[in-house]
PDB file of N, CA and C in Angstrom:
ATOM      1  N   MET A   1      -2.837  -7.700 -15.466  1.00  0.00           N
ATOM      2  CA  MET A   1      -1.821  -7.288 -14.335  1.00  0.00           C
ATOM      3  C   MET A   1      -2.724  -6.446 -13.364  1.00  0.00           C
ATOM      4  N   THR A   2      -2.531  -6.674 -12.014  1.00  0.00           N
ATOM      5  CA  THR A   2      -3.378  -5.985 -11.149  1.00  0.00           C
ATOM      6  C   THR A   2      -2.313  -5.357 -10.009  1.00  0.00           C
ATOM      7  N   VAL A   3      -2.476  -4.229  -9.798  1.00  0.00           N
ATOM      8  CA  VAL A   3      -1.832  -3.509  -8.627  1.00  0.00           C
ATOM      9  C   VAL A   3      -2.645  -3.300  -7.503  1.00  0.00           C
ATOM     10  N   ILE A   4      -2.518  -3.744  -6.327  1.00  0.00           N
ATOM     11  CA  ILE A   4      -3.293  -3.517  -5.229  1.00  0.00           C
ATOM     12  C   ILE A   4      -2.693  -2.355  -4.386  1.00  0.00           C
ATOM     13  N   TRP A   5      -3.588  -1.363  -3.995  1.00  0.00           N
ATOM     14  CA  TRP A   5      -3.200  -0.216  -3.316  1.00  0.00           C
ATOM     15  C   TRP A   5      -3.997  -0.077  -2.071  1.00  0.00           C
ATOM     16  N   TRP A   6      -3.438   0.642  -1.157  1.00  0.00           N
ATOM     17  CA  TRP A   6      -4.161   1.308  -0.110  1.00  0.00           C
ATOM     18  C   TRP A   6      -4.112   2.760  -0.306  1.00  0.00           C
ATOM     19  N   ARG A   7      -5.243   3.340  -0.592  1.00  0.00           N
ATOM     20  CA  ARG A   7      -5.264   4.771  -1.145  1.00  0.00           C
ATOM     21  C   ARG A   7      -4.172   4.851  -2.248  1.00  0.00           C
ATOM     22  N   ASP A   8      -3.263   5.680  -2.047  1.00  0.00           N
ATOM     23  CA  ASP A   8      -2.208   5.937  -3.280  1.00  0.00           C
ATOM     24  C   ASP A   8      -0.962   5.257  -2.870  1.00  0.00           C
ATOM     25  N   ILE A   9      -0.931   4.232  -1.970  1.00  0.00           N
ATOM     26  CA  ILE A   9       0.242   3.491  -1.668  1.00  0.00           C
ATOM     27  C   ILE A   9       0.189   1.995  -2.284  1.00  0.00           C
ATOM     28  N   PRO A  10       1.103   1.600  -3.162  1.00  0.00           N
ATOM     29  CA  PRO A  10       1.112   0.260  -3.674  1.00  0.00           C
ATOM     30  C   PRO A  10       1.466  -0.732  -2.671  1.00  0.00           C
ATOM     31  N   ALA A  11       0.883  -1.900  -2.743  1.00  0.00           N
ATOM     32  CA  ALA A  11       1.186  -3.046  -1.813  1.00  0.00           C
ATOM     33  C   ALA A  11       1.684  -4.225  -2.397  1.00  0.00           C
ATOM     34  N   GLN A  12       0.947  -4.585  -3.527  1.00  0.00           N
ATOM     35  CA  GLN A  12       1.151  -5.836  -4.283  1.00  0.00           C
ATOM     36  C   GLN A  12       0.983  -5.873  -5.716  1.00  0.00           C
ATOM     37  N   VAL A  13       1.705  -6.667  -6.445  1.00  0.00           N
ATOM     38  CA  VAL A  13       1.399  -6.777  -8.025  1.00  0.00           C
ATOM     39  C   VAL A  13       1.156  -8.289  -8.244  1.00  0.00           C
ATOM     40  N   THR A  14       0.097  -8.379  -8.979  1.00  0.00           N
ATOM     41  CA  THR A  14      -0.315  -9.799  -9.289  1.00  0.00           C
ATOM     42  C   THR A  14      -0.689  -9.916 -10.894  1.00  0.00           C
ATOM     43  N   ALA A  15      -0.570 -11.101 -11.343  1.00  0.00           N
ATOM     44  CA  ALA A  15      -1.123 -11.349 -12.643  1.00  0.00           C
ATOM     45  C   ALA A  15      -1.708 -12.779 -12.881  1.00  0.00           C
ATOM     46  N   ARG A  16      -2.507 -13.057 -13.709  1.00  0.00           N
ATOM     47  CA  ARG A  16      -2.967 -14.369 -13.779  1.00  0.00           C
ATOM     48  C   ARG A  16      -3.151 -14.721 -15.371  1.00  0.00           C
ATOM     49  N   ASP A  17      -2.786 -16.003 -15.654  1.00  0.00           N
ATOM     50  CA  ASP A  17      -2.769 -16.553 -17.049  1.00  0.00           C
ATOM     51  C   ASP A  17      -3.508 -17.785 -16.897  1.00  0.00           C
ATOM     52  N   GLY A  18      -4.962 -17.845 -17.053  1.00  0.00           N
ATOM     53  CA  GLY A  18      -5.630 -19.108 -16.833  1.00  0.00           C
ATOM     54  C   GLY A  18      -5.404 -19.434 -15.404  1.00  0.00           C
ATOM     55  N   ARG A  19      -4.813 -20.703 -15.071  1.00  0.00           N
ATOM     56  CA  ARG A  19      -4.856 -21.130 -13.757  1.00  0.00           C
ATOM     57  C   ARG A  19      -3.470 -20.712 -13.043  1.00  0.00           C
ATOM     58  N   ARG A  20      -2.547 -20.226 -13.938  1.00  0.00           N
ATOM     59  CA  ARG A  20      -1.317 -19.850 -13.449  1.00  0.00           C
ATOM     60  C   ARG A  20      -1.351 -18.397 -12.862  1.00  0.00           C
ATOM     61  N   GLN A  21      -0.711 -18.101 -11.632  1.00  0.00           N
ATOM     62  CA  GLN A  21      -0.569 -16.765 -11.164  1.00  0.00           C
ATOM     63  C   GLN A  21       0.788 -16.382 -10.757  1.00  0.00           C
ATOM     64  N   SER A  22       0.999 -15.149 -10.776  1.00  0.00           N
ATOM     65  CA  SER A  22       2.248 -14.689 -10.400  1.00  0.00           C
ATOM     66  C   SER A  22       1.891 -13.491  -9.394  1.00  0.00           C
ATOM     67  N   LYS A  23       2.584 -13.492  -8.199  1.00  0.00           N
ATOM     68  CA  LYS A  23       2.368 -12.382  -7.295  1.00  0.00           C
ATOM     69  C   LYS A  23       3.668 -12.009  -6.574  1.00  0.00           C
ATOM     70  N   ILE A  24       3.804 -10.598  -6.342  1.00  0.00           N
ATOM     71  CA  ILE A  24       4.809 -10.098  -5.517  1.00  0.00           C
ATOM     72  C   ILE A  24       4.317  -9.132  -4.638  1.00  0.00           C
ATOM     73  N   VAL A  25       4.588  -9.462  -3.331  1.00  0.00           N
ATOM     74  CA  VAL A  25       4.324  -8.429  -2.295  1.00  0.00           C
ATOM     75  C   VAL A  25       5.403  -7.488  -2.220  1.00  0.00           C
ATOM     76  N   LEU A  26       5.215  -6.105  -2.287  1.00  0.00           N
ATOM     77  CA  LEU A  26       6.241  -5.184  -2.161  1.00  0.00           C
ATOM     78  C   LEU A  26       7.038  -5.306  -0.966  1.00  0.00           C
ATOM     79  N   HIS A  27       8.190  -4.587  -0.817  1.00  0.00           N
ATOM     80  CA  HIS A  27       9.092  -4.577   0.317  1.00  0.00           C
ATOM     81  C   HIS A  27       8.253  -4.054   1.579  1.00  0.00           C
ATOM     82  N   PRO A  28       8.551  -4.745   2.618  1.00  0.00           N
ATOM     83  CA  PRO A  28       7.894  -4.415   3.982  1.00  0.00           C
ATOM     84  C   PRO A  28       7.689  -2.895   4.217  1.00  0.00           C
ATOM     85  N   ARG A  29       8.577  -2.098   3.724  1.00  0.00           N
ATOM     86  CA  ARG A  29       8.287  -0.731   3.948  1.00  0.00           C
ATOM     87  C   ARG A  29       7.011  -0.059   3.490  1.00  0.00           C
ATOM     88  N   PHE A  30       6.511  -0.674   2.545  1.00  0.00           N
ATOM     89  CA  PHE A  30       5.343  -0.300   1.930  1.00  0.00           C
ATOM     90  C   PHE A  30       4.174  -0.503   2.976  1.00  0.00           C
ATOM     91  N   GLN A  31       4.083  -1.702   3.475  1.00  0.00           N
ATOM     92  CA  GLN A  31       3.019  -2.043   4.522  1.00  0.00           C
ATOM     93  C   GLN A  31       3.349  -1.155   5.818  1.00  0.00           C
ATOM     94  N   VAL A  32       4.556  -0.875   6.126  1.00  0.00           N
ATOM     95  CA  VAL A  32       4.800  -0.015   7.301  1.00  0.00           C
ATOM     96  C   VAL A  32       4.016   1.500   6.904  1.00  0.00           C
ATOM     97  N   ALA A  33       4.309   1.860   5.628  1.00  0.00           N
ATOM     98  CA  ALA A  33       3.805   3.222   5.439  1.00  0.00           C
ATOM     99  C   ALA A  33       2.384   3.115   5.435  1.00  0.00           C
ATOM    100  N   ILE A  34       1.707   2.179   4.767  1.00  0.00           N
ATOM    101  CA  ILE A  34       0.300   2.010   4.815  1.00  0.00           C
ATOM    102  C   ILE A  34      -0.212   2.068   6.203  1.00  0.00           C
ATOM    103  N   ASP A  35       0.333   1.370   7.163  1.00  0.00           N
ATOM    104  CA  ASP A  35      -0.066   1.333   8.582  1.00  0.00           C
ATOM    105  C   ASP A  35      -0.073   2.750   9.149  1.00  0.00           C
ATOM    106  N   LYS A  36       1.140   3.408   8.940  1.00  0.00           N
ATOM    107  CA  LYS A  36       1.258   4.742   9.444  1.00  0.00           C
ATOM    108  C   LYS A  36       0.447   5.775   8.873  1.00  0.00           C
ATOM    109  N   ALA A  37       0.219   5.692   7.449  1.00  0.00           N
ATOM    110  CA  ALA A  37      -0.654   6.534   6.826  1.00  0.00           C
ATOM    111  C   ALA A  37      -2.125   6.393   7.356  1.00  0.00           C
ATOM    112  N   ALA A  38      -2.571   5.157   7.490  1.00  0.00           N
ATOM    113  CA  ALA A  38      -3.921   4.931   7.963  1.00  0.00           C
ATOM    114  C   ALA A  38      -4.069   5.448   9.429  1.00  0.00           C
ATOM    115  N   SER A  39      -3.092   5.311  10.113  1.00  0.00           N
ATOM    116  CA  SER A  39      -3.082   5.869  11.602  1.00  0.00           C
ATOM    117  C   SER A  39      -3.259   7.461  11.555  1.00  0.00           C
ATOM    118  N   ARG A  40      -2.441   8.047  10.809  1.00  0.00           N
ATOM    119  CA  ARG A  40      -2.624   9.533  10.559  1.00  0.00           C
ATOM    120  C   ARG A  40      -3.869   9.957  10.073  1.00  0.00           C
ATOM    121  N   ALA A  41      -4.423   9.202   9.126  1.00  0.00           N
ATOM    122  CA  ALA A  41      -5.785   9.594   8.441  1.00  0.00           C
ATOM    123  C   ALA A  41      -6.914   9.241   9.371  1.00  0.00           C
ATOM    124  N   GLY A  42      -6.621   8.529  10.621  1.00  0.00           N
ATOM    125  CA  GLY A  42      -7.677   8.248  11.394  1.00  0.00           C
ATOM    126  C   GLY A  42      -8.488   7.104  11.174  1.00  0.00           C
ATOM    127  N   LYS A  43      -7.978   6.167  10.216  1.00  0.00           N
ATOM    128  CA  LYS A  43      -8.531   5.002   9.757  1.00  0.00           C
ATOM    129  C   LYS A  43      -8.067   3.780  10.733  1.00  0.00           C
ATOM    130  N   ARG A  44      -8.659   3.835  11.938  1.00  0.00           N
ATOM    131  CA  ARG A  44      -8.200   2.881  13.046  1.00  0.00           C
ATOM    132  C   ARG A  44      -9.101   1.614  13.148  1.00  0.00           C
ATOM    133  N   THR A  45     -10.274   1.736  12.628  1.00  0.00           N
ATOM    134  CA  THR A  45     -11.236   0.488  12.743  1.00  0.00           C
ATOM    135  C   THR A  45     -10.844  -0.360  11.446  1.00  0.00           C
ATOM    136  N   TYR A  46     -11.134  -1.533  11.608  1.00  0.00           N
ATOM    137  CA  TYR A  46     -11.019  -2.502  10.647  1.00  0.00           C
ATOM    138  C   TYR A  46     -11.753  -2.104   9.252  1.00  0.00           C
ATOM    139  N   ASN A  47     -12.932  -1.764   9.487  1.00  0.00           N
ATOM    140  CA  ASN A  47     -13.841  -1.386   8.228  1.00  0.00           C
ATOM    141  C   ASN A  47     -13.224  -0.138   7.496  1.00  0.00           C
ATOM    142  N   ASP A  48     -12.950   0.806   8.326  1.00  0.00           N
ATOM    143  CA  ASP A  48     -12.389   2.155   7.708  1.00  0.00           C
ATOM    144  C   ASP A  48     -11.083   1.775   6.947  1.00  0.00           C
ATOM    145  N   TYR A  49     -10.376   1.006   7.584  1.00  0.00           N
ATOM    146  CA  TYR A  49      -9.045   0.596   6.863  1.00  0.00           C
ATOM    147  C   TYR A  49      -9.291  -0.127   5.596  1.00  0.00           C
ATOM    148  N   ILE A  50     -10.149  -1.219   5.650  1.00  0.00           N
ATOM    149  CA  ILE A  50     -10.438  -2.216   4.618  1.00  0.00           C
ATOM    150  C   ILE A  50     -10.999  -1.443   3.390  1.00  0.00           C
ATOM    151  N   GLU A  51     -11.881  -0.336   3.586  1.00  0.00           N
ATOM    152  CA  GLU A  51     -12.654   0.169   2.538  1.00  0.00           C
ATOM    153  C   GLU A  51     -11.797   1.065   1.688  1.00  0.00           C
ATOM    154  N   GLU A  52     -10.525   1.302   2.054  1.00  0.00           N
ATOM    155  CA  GLU A  52      -9.678   2.221   1.380  1.00  0.00           C
ATOM    156  C   GLU A  52      -8.670   1.353   0.370  1.00  0.00           C
ATOM    157  N   TRP A  53      -8.788   0.129   0.372  1.00  0.00           N
ATOM    158  CA  TRP A  53      -8.093  -0.771  -0.557  1.00  0.00           C
ATOM    159  C   TRP A  53      -8.701  -0.707  -1.954  1.00  0.00           C
ATOM    160  N   ARG A  54      -7.818  -0.581  -2.967  1.00  0.00           N
ATOM    161  CA  ARG A  54      -8.434  -0.564  -4.314  1.00  0.00           C
ATOM    162  C   ARG A  54      -7.350  -1.232  -5.172  1.00  0.00           C
ATOM    163  N   ARG A  55      -7.809  -1.666  -6.599  1.00  0.00           N
ATOM    164  CA  ARG A  55      -7.132  -2.314  -7.512  1.00  0.00           C
ATOM    165  C   ARG A  55      -7.106  -1.510  -8.754  1.00  0.00           C
ATOM    166  N   THR A  56      -5.914  -1.529  -9.401  1.00  0.00           N
ATOM    167  CA  THR A  56      -5.797  -0.938 -10.776  1.00  0.00           C
ATOM    168  C   THR A  56      -5.329  -2.215 -11.549  1.00  0.00           C
ATOM    169  N   GLN A  57      -5.898  -2.108 -12.896  1.00  0.00           N
ATOM    170  CA  GLN A  57      -5.522  -3.283 -13.848  1.00  0.00           C
ATOM    171  C   GLN A  57      -5.100  -2.737 -15.149  1.00  0.00           C
ATOM    172  N   ARG A  58      -4.294  -3.422 -15.820  1.00  0.00           N
ATOM    173  CA  ARG A  58      -3.829  -3.229 -17.177  1.00  0.00           C
ATOM    174  C   ARG A  58      -3.560  -4.569 -17.749  1.00  0.00           C
ATOM    175  N   THR A  59      -3.393  -4.486 -19.022  1.00  0.00           N
ATOM    176  CA  THR A  59      -3.135  -5.781 -19.854  1.00  0.00           C
ATOM    177  C   THR A  59      -1.722  -6.182 -19.520  1.00  0.00           C
ATOM    178  N   CYS A  60      -1.495  -7.562 -19.758  1.00  0.00           N
ATOM    179  CA  CYS A  60       0.006  -8.082 -19.339  1.00  0.00           C
ATOM    180  C   CYS A  60       0.255  -8.961 -20.479  1.00  0.00           C
ATOM    181  N   GLY A  61       1.380  -8.978 -20.694  1.00  0.00           N
ATOM    182  CA  GLY A  61       1.951  -9.955 -21.879  1.00  0.00           C
ATOM    183  C   GLY A  61       1.954 -11.408 -21.416  1.00  0.00           C
ATOM    184  N   GLU A  62       2.465 -12.203 -22.197  1.00  0.00           N
ATOM    185  CA  GLU A  62       2.408 -13.669 -21.990  1.00  0.00           C
ATOM    186  C   GLU A  62       3.330 -14.078 -20.835  1.00  0.00           C
ATOM    187  N   ASP A  63       4.499 -13.419 -20.714  1.00  0.00           N
ATOM    188  CA  ASP A  63       5.328 -13.826 -19.609  1.00  0.00           C
ATOM    189  C   ASP A  63       5.062 -13.094 -18.325  1.00  0.00           C
ATOM    190  N   ILE A  64       4.095 -13.631 -17.624  1.00  0.00           N
ATOM    191  CA  ILE A  64       3.479 -12.885 -16.424  1.00  0.00           C
ATOM    192  C   ILE A  64       4.502 -12.736 -15.427  1.00  0.00           C
ATOM    193  N   ASP A  65       5.357 -13.756 -15.106  1.00  0.00           N
ATOM    194  CA  ASP A  65       6.424 -13.547 -14.101  1.00  0.00           C
ATOM    195  C   ASP A  65       7.325 -12.387 -14.349  1.00  0.00           C
ATOM    196  N   THR A  66       7.692 -12.220 -15.531  1.00  0.00           N
ATOM    197  CA  THR A  66       8.760 -11.168 -15.917  1.00  0.00           C
ATOM    198  C   THR A  66       8.119  -9.774 -15.799  1.00  0.00           C
ATOM    199  N   GLU A  67       6.760  -9.746 -16.233  1.00  0.00           N
ATOM    200  CA  GLU A  67       6.005  -8.523 -16.161  1.00  0.00           C
ATOM    201  C   GLU A  67       5.703  -8.036 -14.701  1.00  0.00           C
ATOM    202  N   VAL A  68       5.272  -8.976 -13.900  1.00  0.00           N
ATOM    203  CA  VAL A  68       4.981  -8.675 -12.437  1.00  0.00           C
ATOM    204  C   VAL A  68       6.268  -8.308 -11.863  1.00  0.00           C
ATOM    205  N   SER A  69       7.345  -8.985 -12.074  1.00  0.00           N
ATOM    206  CA  SER A  69       8.616  -8.510 -11.495  1.00  0.00           C
ATOM    207  C   SER A  69       9.061  -7.156 -11.872  1.00  0.00           C
ATOM    208  N   ALA A  70       8.886  -6.810 -13.173  1.00  0.00           N
ATOM    209  CA  ALA A  70       9.256  -5.466 -13.702  1.00  0.00           C
ATOM    210  C   ALA A  70       8.332  -4.406 -13.120  1.00  0.00           C
ATOM    211  N   GLU A  71       7.144  -4.781 -12.914  1.00  0.00           N
ATOM    212  CA  GLU A  71       6.169  -3.732 -12.306  1.00  0.00           C
ATOM    213  C   GLU A  71       6.540  -3.501 -10.703  1.00  0.00           C
ATOM    214  N   ALA A  72       6.744  -4.608 -10.177  1.00  0.00           N
ATOM    215  CA  ALA A  72       7.202  -4.405  -8.704  1.00  0.00           C
ATOM    216  C   ALA A  72       8.458  -3.599  -8.541  1.00  0.00           C
ATOM    217  N   GLU A  73       9.545  -3.880  -9.404  1.00  0.00           N
ATOM    218  CA  GLU A  73      10.689  -3.095  -9.427  1.00  0.00           C
ATOM    219  C   GLU A  73      10.488  -1.669  -9.644  1.00  0.00           C
ATOM    220  N   ARG A  74       9.682  -1.318 -10.617  1.00  0.00           N
ATOM    221  CA  ARG A  74       9.254  -0.002 -10.921  1.00  0.00           C
ATOM    222  C   ARG A  74       8.717   0.772  -9.795  1.00  0.00           C
ATOM    223  N   LEU A  75       7.712   0.013  -9.174  1.00  0.00           N
ATOM    224  CA  LEU A  75       7.107   0.675  -8.121  1.00  0.00           C
ATOM    225  C   LEU A  75       7.995   0.838  -6.800  1.00  0.00           C
ATOM    226  N   GLU A  76       8.896  -0.018  -6.634  1.00  0.00           N
ATOM    227  CA  GLU A  76       9.745  -0.067  -5.511  1.00  0.00           C
ATOM    228  C   GLU A  76      10.708   1.148  -5.742  1.00  0.00           C
ATOM    229  N   SER A  77      11.121   1.344  -6.967  1.00  0.00           N
ATOM    230  CA  SER A  77      12.019   2.340  -7.249  1.00  0.00           C
ATOM    231  C   SER A  77      11.332   3.766  -7.341  1.00  0.00           C
ATOM    232  N   GLU A  78      10.136   3.812  -7.878  1.00  0.00           N
ATOM    233  CA  GLU A  78       9.363   5.081  -7.901  1.00  0.00           C
ATOM    234  C   GLU A  78       9.030   5.622  -6.328  1.00  0.00           C
ATOM    235  N   TYR A  79       8.608   4.622  -5.708  1.00  0.00           N
ATOM    236  CA  TYR A  79       8.188   4.894  -4.340  1.00  0.00           C
ATOM    237  C   TYR A  79       9.261   4.832  -3.288  1.00  0.00           C
ATOM    238  N   ASP A  80      10.164   5.735  -3.295  1.00  0.00           N
ATOM    239  CA  ASP A  80      11.383   5.568  -2.524  1.00  0.00           C
ATOM    240  C   ASP A  80      10.973   5.990  -1.069  1.00  0.00           C
ATOM    241  N   LYS A  81      11.951   5.950  -0.245  1.00  0.00           N
ATOM    242  CA  LYS A  81      11.592   6.499   1.161  1.00  0.00           C
ATOM    243  C   LYS A  81      11.015   7.865   1.342  1.00  0.00           C
ATOM    244  N   HIS A  82      11.459   8.729   0.556  1.00  0.00           N
ATOM    245  CA  HIS A  82      11.115  10.229   0.593  1.00  0.00           C
ATOM    246  C   HIS A  82       9.578  10.244   0.173  1.00  0.00           C
ATOM    247  N   ARG A  83       9.164   9.590  -0.924  1.00  0.00           N
ATOM    248  CA  ARG A  83       7.904   9.602  -1.457  1.00  0.00           C
ATOM    249  C   ARG A  83       6.928   8.841  -0.421  1.00  0.00           C
ATOM    250  N   LEU A  84       7.364   7.744   0.141  1.00  0.00           N
ATOM    251  CA  LEU A  84       6.535   7.044   1.061  1.00  0.00           C
ATOM    252  C   LEU A  84       6.392   7.993   2.412  1.00  0.00           C
ATOM    253  N   ALA A  85       7.460   8.668   2.855  1.00  0.00           N
ATOM    254  CA  ALA A  85       7.136   9.597   3.924  1.00  0.00           C
ATOM    255  C   ALA A  85       6.267  10.718   3.771  1.00  0.00           C
ATOM    256  N   GLN A  86       6.176  11.257   2.483  1.00  0.00           N
ATOM    257  CA  GLN A  86       5.161  12.239   2.011  1.00  0.00           C
ATOM    258  C   GLN A  86       3.656  11.599   2.098  1.00  0.00           C
ATOM    259  N   LEU A  87       3.623  10.384   1.547  1.00  0.00           N
ATOM    260  CA  LEU A  87       2.273   9.731   1.573  1.00  0.00           C
ATOM    261  C   LEU A  87       1.887   9.443   2.948  1.00  0.00           C
ATOM    262  N   ILE A  88       2.849   9.065   3.827  1.00  0.00           N
ATOM    263  CA  ILE A  88       2.397   8.877   5.367  1.00  0.00           C
ATOM    264  C   ILE A  88       1.839  10.132   5.898  1.00  0.00           C
ATOM    265  N   GLN A  89       2.624  11.337   5.648  1.00  0.00           N
ATOM    266  CA  GLN A  89       2.041  12.526   6.248  1.00  0.00           C
ATOM    267  C   GLN A  89       0.783  13.033   5.747  1.00  0.00           C
ATOM    268  N   SER A  90       0.439  12.603   4.485  1.00  0.00           N
ATOM    269  CA  SER A  90      -0.812  12.915   3.843  1.00  0.00           C
ATOM    270  C   SER A  90      -1.992  11.911   4.084  1.00  0.00           C
ATOM    271  N   GLY A  91      -1.778  10.846   4.880  1.00  0.00           N
ATOM    272  CA  GLY A  91      -2.659   9.889   5.185  1.00  0.00           C
ATOM    273  C   GLY A  91      -2.758   9.032   3.957  1.00  0.00           C
ATOM    274  N   GLY A  92      -1.852   8.902   3.080  1.00  0.00           N
ATOM    275  CA  GLY A  92      -1.930   7.924   2.129  1.00  0.00           C
ATOM    276  C   GLY A  92      -2.358   8.522   0.759  1.00  0.00           C
ATOM    277  N   VAL A  93      -2.562   9.715   0.655  1.00  0.00           N
ATOM    278  CA  VAL A  93      -3.327  10.528  -0.489  1.00  0.00           C
ATOM    279  C   VAL A  93      -2.146  11.307  -1.081  1.00  0.00           C
ATOM    280  N   GLU A  94      -1.957  11.015  -2.403  1.00  0.00           N
ATOM    281  CA  GLU A  94      -0.846  11.701  -3.170  1.00  0.00           C
ATOM    282  C   GLU A  94      -1.350  13.116  -3.237  1.00  0.00           C
ATOM    283  N   GLY A  95      -0.401  14.054  -2.826  1.00  0.00           N
ATOM    284  CA  GLY A  95      -0.669  15.452  -2.747  1.00  0.00           C
ATOM    285  C   GLY A  95      -1.830  15.977  -1.908  1.00  0.00           C
ATOM    286  N   GLY A  96      -2.146  15.198  -1.003  1.00  0.00           N
ATOM    287  CA  GLY A  96      -3.240  15.502  -0.029  1.00  0.00           C
ATOM    288  C   GLY A  96      -2.568  16.438   1.067  1.00  0.00           C
ATOM    289  N   PRO A  97      -3.470  16.950   1.947  1.00  0.00           N
ATOM    290  CA  PRO A  97      -2.951  17.869   3.102  1.00  0.00           C
ATOM    291  C   PRO A  97      -2.239  17.049   4.146  1.00  0.00           C
ATOM    292  N   THR A  98      -1.318  17.478   4.874  1.00  0.00           N
ATOM    293  CA  THR A  98      -0.519  16.959   5.865  1.00  0.00           C
ATOM    294  C   THR A  98      -1.321  16.766   7.066  1.00  0.00           C
ATOM    295  N   PHE A  99      -1.368  15.636   7.690  1.00  0.00           N
ATOM    296  CA  PHE A  99      -1.948  15.242   8.918  1.00  0.00           C
ATOM    297  C   PHE A  99      -0.988  15.217  10.034  1.00  0.00           C
ATOM    298  N   PRO A 100      -1.278  15.737  11.290  1.00  0.00           N
ATOM    299  CA  PRO A 100      -0.352  15.704  12.439  1.00  0.00           C
ATOM    300  C   PRO A 100      -0.149  14.286  12.699  1.00  0.00           C
ATOM    301  N   PRO A 101       0.967  13.981  13.313  1.00  0.00           N
ATOM    302  CA  PRO A 101       1.275  12.588  13.722  1.00  0.00           C
ATOM    303  C   PRO A 101       0.241  11.958  14.514  1.00  0.00           C
ATOM    304  N   ALA A 102      -0.061  10.813  14.460  1.00  0.00           N
ATOM    305  CA  ALA A 102      -1.041  10.091  15.173  1.00  0.00           C
ATOM    306  C   ALA A 102      -0.405   9.878  16.737  1.00  0.00           C
ATOM    307  N   GLN A 103      -1.299   9.632  17.519  1.00  0.00           N
ATOM    308  CA  GLN A 103      -0.880   9.413  18.956  1.00  0.00           C
ATOM    309  C   GLN A 103       0.005   8.331  19.112  1.00  0.00           C
ATOM    310  N   ASP A 104      -0.323   7.084  18.346  1.00  0.00           N
ATOM    311  CA  ASP A 104       0.529   5.927  18.483  1.00  0.00           C
ATOM    312  C   ASP A 104       1.906   6.199  17.876  1.00  0.00           C
ATOM    313  N   GLU A 105       2.126   7.273  16.999  1.00  0.00           N
ATOM    314  CA  GLU A 105       3.392   7.542  16.498  1.00  0.00           C
ATOM    315  C   GLU A 105       4.174   8.318  17.450  1.00  0.00           C
ATOM    316  N   THR A 106       3.616   9.238  18.241  1.00  0.00           N
ATOM    317  CA  THR A 106       4.205  10.187  19.083  1.00  0.00           C
ATOM    318  C   THR A 106       4.691   9.334  20.380  1.00  0.00           C
ATOM    319  N   GLN A 107       3.912   8.277  20.735  1.00  0.00           N
ATOM    320  CA  GLN A 107       4.364   7.398  21.856  1.00  0.00           C
ATOM    321  C   GLN A 107       5.249   6.309  21.415  1.00  0.00           C
ATOM    322  N   GLY A 108       5.578   6.206  20.105  1.00  0.00           N
ATOM    323  CA  GLY A 108       6.546   5.117  19.699  1.00  0.00           C
ATOM    324  C   GLY A 108       6.029   3.788  19.480  1.00  0.00           C
ATOM    325  N   LYS A 109       4.629   3.736  19.321  1.00  0.00           N
ATOM    326  CA  LYS A 109       3.922   2.459  19.121  1.00  0.00           C
ATOM    327  C   LYS A 109       3.572   2.308  17.659  1.00  0.00           C
ATOM    328  N   GLY A 110       3.389   1.211  17.208  1.00  0.00           N
ATOM    329  CA  GLY A 110       2.955   0.869  15.908  1.00  0.00           C
ATOM    330  C   GLY A 110       1.376   1.112  15.816  1.00  0.00           C
ATOM    331  N   ALA A 111       0.929   1.230  14.658  1.00  0.00           N
ATOM    332  CA  ALA A 111      -0.570   1.411  14.370  1.00  0.00           C
ATOM    333  C   ALA A 111      -1.211   0.298  14.646  1.00  0.00           C
ATOM    334  N   ARG A 112      -2.381   0.384  15.175  1.00  0.00           N
ATOM    335  CA  ARG A 112      -3.310  -0.676  15.721  1.00  0.00           C
ATOM    336  C   ARG A 112      -4.689  -0.586  15.215  1.00  0.00           C
ATOM    337  N   LEU A 113      -5.297  -1.509  14.519  1.00  0.00           N
ATOM    338  CA  LEU A 113      -6.685  -1.400  14.083  1.00  0.00           C
ATOM    339  C   LEU A 113      -7.504  -1.858  15.144  1.00  0.00           C
ATOM    340  N   GLU A 114      -8.694  -1.262  15.171  1.00  0.00           N
ATOM    341  CA  GLU A 114      -9.639  -1.678  16.242  1.00  0.00           C
ATOM    342  C   GLU A 114     -10.776  -2.393  15.561  1.00  0.00           C
ATOM    343  N   GLY A 115     -11.224  -3.506  16.060  1.00  0.00           N
ATOM    344  CA  GLY A 115     -12.387  -4.299  15.512  1.00  0.00           C
ATOM    345  C   GLY A 115     -12.075  -5.134  14.382  1.00  0.00           C
ATOM    346  N   GLY A 116     -10.852  -5.408  14.158  1.00  0.00           N
ATOM    347  CA  GLY A 116     -10.482  -6.332  13.070  1.00  0.00           C
ATOM    348  C   GLY A 116     -10.521  -7.820  13.548  1.00  0.00           C
ATOM    349  N   PRO A 117     -10.309  -8.681  12.558  1.00  0.00           N
ATOM    350  CA  PRO A 117     -10.250 -10.123  12.967  1.00  0.00           C
ATOM    351  C   PRO A 117      -9.190 -10.407  13.830  1.00  0.00           C
ATOM    352  N   ALA A 118      -9.583 -11.443  14.794  1.00  0.00           N
ATOM    353  CA  ALA A 118      -8.569 -11.821  15.796  1.00  0.00           C
ATOM    354  C   ALA A 118      -7.437 -12.607  15.258  1.00  0.00           C
TER     355      ALA A 118
END
């Protein structure tokens, strides 16, 4: 089983058993948190943003759908709105220093990456 993270914010859970794959993209609030944290951390270019993605892996039992679902539920419960808000403030780093709001946050606009694919 693989969990895909942007810094310390989970985004997706996947598992593969031969040719069969199970995948759950976490609730949209996780992607919103990732975008806001990236903006606060100054990761505004496509390359800066992309290089912060990582994967963690662990063994998975035979029922990959059940295990992926259970892991996604665990992450969605563990990373509640309060914890995601803290991660946004620290630029996506668990226990990291607090960054001031990004300019696009103070102007009410969403985070925007520069130099990414069209």
